Amino acid sequence: MVSTQFTVEQNKASIKLKVDAKGDFIKDKMGKLGDIMVNGKDYGDLMDNDGKVTAKFTDDSLIIL
């Protein structure tokens, strides 16, 4: 399978995302797209649940995007 990985960064926050050959985001079986990182520290996960993207943080707070 051919895929591409890219990093989205703003200020000191970043997330690495993978896209398959068809242009679809690759997620794991739990729906995780990638880790939400700030200054190299993992603050949570970017999740995709049937097309609804959510930031789930380590303190269990959620932001629906």
N, C-alpha and C. Protein backbone atom coordinates (compact mmCIF):
# COMPACT_ATOMS: atom_id res chain seq x y z
N MET A 1 0.84 -1.18 0.00
CA MET A 1 0.00 0.00 0.00
C MET A 1 0.89 1.24 0.00
N VAL A 2 0.60 2.17 -0.88
CA VAL A 2 1.34 3.42 -0.98
C VAL A 2 0.64 4.45 -0.11
N SER A 3 1.43 5.14 0.71
CA SER A 3 0.85 6.20 1.54
C SER A 3 1.83 7.34 1.65
N THR A 4 1.31 8.48 2.10
CA THR A 4 2.12 9.67 2.30
C THR A 4 1.89 10.15 3.72
N GLN A 5 2.95 10.63 4.34
CA GLN A 5 2.84 11.19 5.69
C GLN A 5 3.20 12.66 5.61
N PHE A 6 2.42 13.50 6.27
CA PHE A 6 2.78 14.90 6.35
C PHE A 6 2.48 15.43 7.74
N THR A 7 3.14 16.51 8.09
CA THR A 7 3.00 17.12 9.41
C THR A 7 2.35 18.48 9.27
N VAL A 8 1.30 18.69 10.07
CA VAL A 8 0.64 19.99 10.14
C VAL A 8 1.15 20.67 11.40
N GLU A 9 1.69 21.89 11.26
CA GLU A 9 2.25 22.60 12.41
C GLU A 9 1.70 24.01 12.49
N GLN A 10 1.45 24.45 13.72
CA GLN A 10 1.12 25.84 13.97
C GLN A 10 1.71 26.19 15.32
N ASN A 11 2.49 27.25 15.34
CA ASN A 11 3.23 27.64 16.53
C ASN A 11 4.04 26.43 17.00
N LYS A 12 3.83 25.92 18.18
CA LYS A 12 4.60 24.78 18.67
C LYS A 12 3.78 23.49 18.72
N ALA A 13 2.57 23.53 18.12
CA ALA A 13 1.71 22.34 18.07
C ALA A 13 1.84 21.68 16.70
N SER A 14 1.75 20.34 16.70
CA SER A 14 1.85 19.62 15.43
C SER A 14 1.09 18.30 15.51
N ILE A 15 0.78 17.78 14.34
CA ILE A 15 0.20 16.45 14.22
C ILE A 15 0.68 15.85 12.91
N LYS A 16 1.09 14.58 12.95
CA LYS A 16 1.49 13.85 11.75
C LYS A 16 0.31 13.04 11.27
N LEU A 17 -0.03 13.22 10.00
CA LEU A 17 -1.16 12.52 9.40
C LEU A 17 -0.67 11.68 8.23
N LYS A 18 -1.32 10.54 8.02
CA LYS A 18 -0.99 9.66 6.90
C LYS A 18 -2.19 9.61 5.97
N VAL A 19 -1.89 9.62 4.66
CA VAL A 19 -2.92 9.58 3.62
C VAL A 19 -2.59 8.41 2.70
N ASP A 20 -3.62 7.62 2.33
CA ASP A 20 -3.38 6.48 1.44
C ASP A 20 -3.35 6.95 -0.02
N ALA A 21 -3.13 6.02 -0.93
CA ALA A 21 -2.99 6.34 -2.34
C ALA A 21 -4.26 6.96 -2.93
N LYS A 22 -5.42 6.71 -2.32
CA LYS A 22 -6.68 7.28 -2.80
C LYS A 22 -6.94 8.67 -2.22
N GLY A 23 -6.07 9.14 -1.32
CA GLY A 23 -6.25 10.46 -0.71
C GLY A 23 -7.04 10.44 0.58
N ASP A 24 -7.34 9.24 1.10
CA ASP A 24 -8.08 9.13 2.36
C ASP A 24 -7.12 9.08 3.54
N PHE A 25 -7.51 9.73 4.65
CA PHE A 25 -6.69 9.67 5.85
C PHE A 25 -6.65 8.25 6.38
N ILE A 26 -5.49 7.82 6.82
CA ILE A 26 -5.32 6.49 7.40
C ILE A 26 -5.50 6.61 8.90
N LYS A 27 -6.37 5.77 9.46
CA LYS A 27 -6.59 5.75 10.90
C LYS A 27 -6.45 4.33 11.40
N ASP A 28 -6.19 4.18 12.70
CA ASP A 28 -6.10 2.84 13.26
C ASP A 28 -7.49 2.30 13.54
N LYS A 29 -7.58 1.08 14.06
CA LYS A 29 -8.89 0.44 14.26
C LYS A 29 -9.75 1.14 15.30
N MET A 30 -9.14 2.01 16.13
CA MET A 30 -9.89 2.79 17.12
C MET A 30 -10.30 4.16 16.58
N GLY A 31 -9.89 4.48 15.35
CA GLY A 31 -10.24 5.76 14.73
C GLY A 31 -9.20 6.85 14.92
N LYS A 32 -8.06 6.51 15.49
CA LYS A 32 -7.01 7.51 15.74
C LYS A 32 -6.31 7.89 14.44
N LEU A 33 -6.26 9.20 14.17
CA LEU A 33 -5.56 9.73 13.02
C LEU A 33 -4.11 10.07 13.35
N GLY A 34 -3.86 10.55 14.58
CA GLY A 34 -2.51 10.93 14.97
C GLY A 34 -2.49 11.52 16.36
N ASP A 35 -1.27 11.73 16.86
CA ASP A 35 -1.06 12.31 18.18
C ASP A 35 -1.04 13.83 18.09
N ILE A 36 -1.67 14.50 19.05
CA ILE A 36 -1.62 15.95 19.16
C ILE A 36 -0.40 16.29 20.02
N MET A 37 0.60 16.90 19.40
CA MET A 37 1.86 17.17 20.08
C MET A 37 2.07 18.68 20.26
N VAL A 38 2.57 19.08 21.43
CA VAL A 38 2.93 20.47 21.70
C VAL A 38 4.29 20.45 22.39
N ASN A 39 5.25 21.13 21.78
CA ASN A 39 6.63 21.14 22.31
C ASN A 39 7.16 19.73 22.56
N GLY A 40 6.80 18.79 21.69
CA GLY A 40 7.29 17.42 21.81
C GLY A 40 6.55 16.56 22.82
N LYS A 41 5.54 17.11 23.49
CA LYS A 41 4.76 16.35 24.47
C LYS A 41 3.41 15.96 23.87
N ASP A 42 2.99 14.72 24.11
CA ASP A 42 1.72 14.21 23.60
C ASP A 42 0.58 14.68 24.49
N TYR A 43 -0.34 15.47 23.92
CA TYR A 43 -1.47 16.00 24.67
C TYR A 43 -2.79 15.29 24.35
N GLY A 44 -2.77 14.35 23.44
CA GLY A 44 -3.98 13.63 23.10
C GLY A 44 -3.95 13.09 21.69
N ASP A 45 -5.13 12.77 21.18
CA ASP A 45 -5.25 12.15 19.87
C ASP A 45 -6.28 12.87 19.01
N LEU A 46 -6.02 12.92 17.72
CA LEU A 46 -7.01 13.37 16.76
C LEU A 46 -7.73 12.13 16.28
N MET A 47 -9.06 12.10 16.47
CA MET A 47 -9.86 10.92 16.20
C MET A 47 -10.85 11.18 15.07
N ASP A 48 -11.16 10.11 14.30
CA ASP A 48 -12.19 10.17 13.27
C ASP A 48 -13.18 9.05 13.55
N ASN A 49 -14.41 9.43 13.87
CA ASN A 49 -15.46 8.47 14.15
C ASN A 49 -16.55 8.65 13.10
N ASP A 50 -16.49 7.83 12.05
CA ASP A 50 -17.45 7.90 10.95
C ASP A 50 -17.56 9.30 10.36
N GLY A 51 -16.43 9.93 10.12
CA GLY A 51 -16.40 11.24 9.49
C GLY A 51 -16.48 12.42 10.43
N LYS A 52 -16.70 12.16 11.72
CA LYS A 52 -16.72 13.24 12.72
C LYS A 52 -15.34 13.30 13.37
N VAL A 53 -14.62 14.39 13.17
CA VAL A 53 -13.26 14.52 13.69
C VAL A 53 -13.31 15.20 15.05
N THR A 54 -12.60 14.59 16.00
CA THR A 54 -12.60 15.06 17.39
C THR A 54 -11.17 15.07 17.92
N ALA A 55 -10.84 16.11 18.68
CA ALA A 55 -9.58 16.14 19.43
C ALA A 55 -9.89 15.61 20.82
N LYS A 56 -9.27 14.50 21.19
CA LYS A 56 -9.46 13.88 22.50
C LYS A 56 -8.16 14.06 23.28
N PHE A 57 -8.24 14.82 24.37
CA PHE A 57 -7.05 15.16 25.13
C PHE A 57 -6.81 14.20 26.29
N THR A 58 -5.60 14.21 26.82
CA THR A 58 -5.22 13.27 27.88
C THR A 58 -6.03 13.46 29.16
N ASP A 59 -6.66 14.62 29.36
CA ASP A 59 -7.51 14.82 30.54
C ASP A 59 -8.96 14.41 30.26
N ASP A 60 -9.18 13.69 29.15
CA ASP A 60 -10.49 13.19 28.71
C ASP A 60 -11.43 14.28 28.21
N SER A 61 -10.95 15.51 28.01
CA SER A 61 -11.79 16.53 27.40
C SER A 61 -11.81 16.32 25.88
N LEU A 62 -12.88 16.77 25.25
CA LEU A 62 -13.06 16.59 23.81
C LEU A 62 -13.39 17.93 23.15
N ILE A 63 -12.90 18.10 21.93
CA ILE A 63 -13.29 19.23 21.09
C ILE A 63 -13.69 18.64 19.74
N ILE A 64 -14.95 18.82 19.37
CA ILE A 64 -15.42 18.34 18.07
C ILE A 64 -15.04 19.38 17.03
N LEU A 65 -14.36 18.95 16.00
CA LEU A 65 -13.88 19.87 14.97
C LEU A 65 -14.79 19.84 13.75
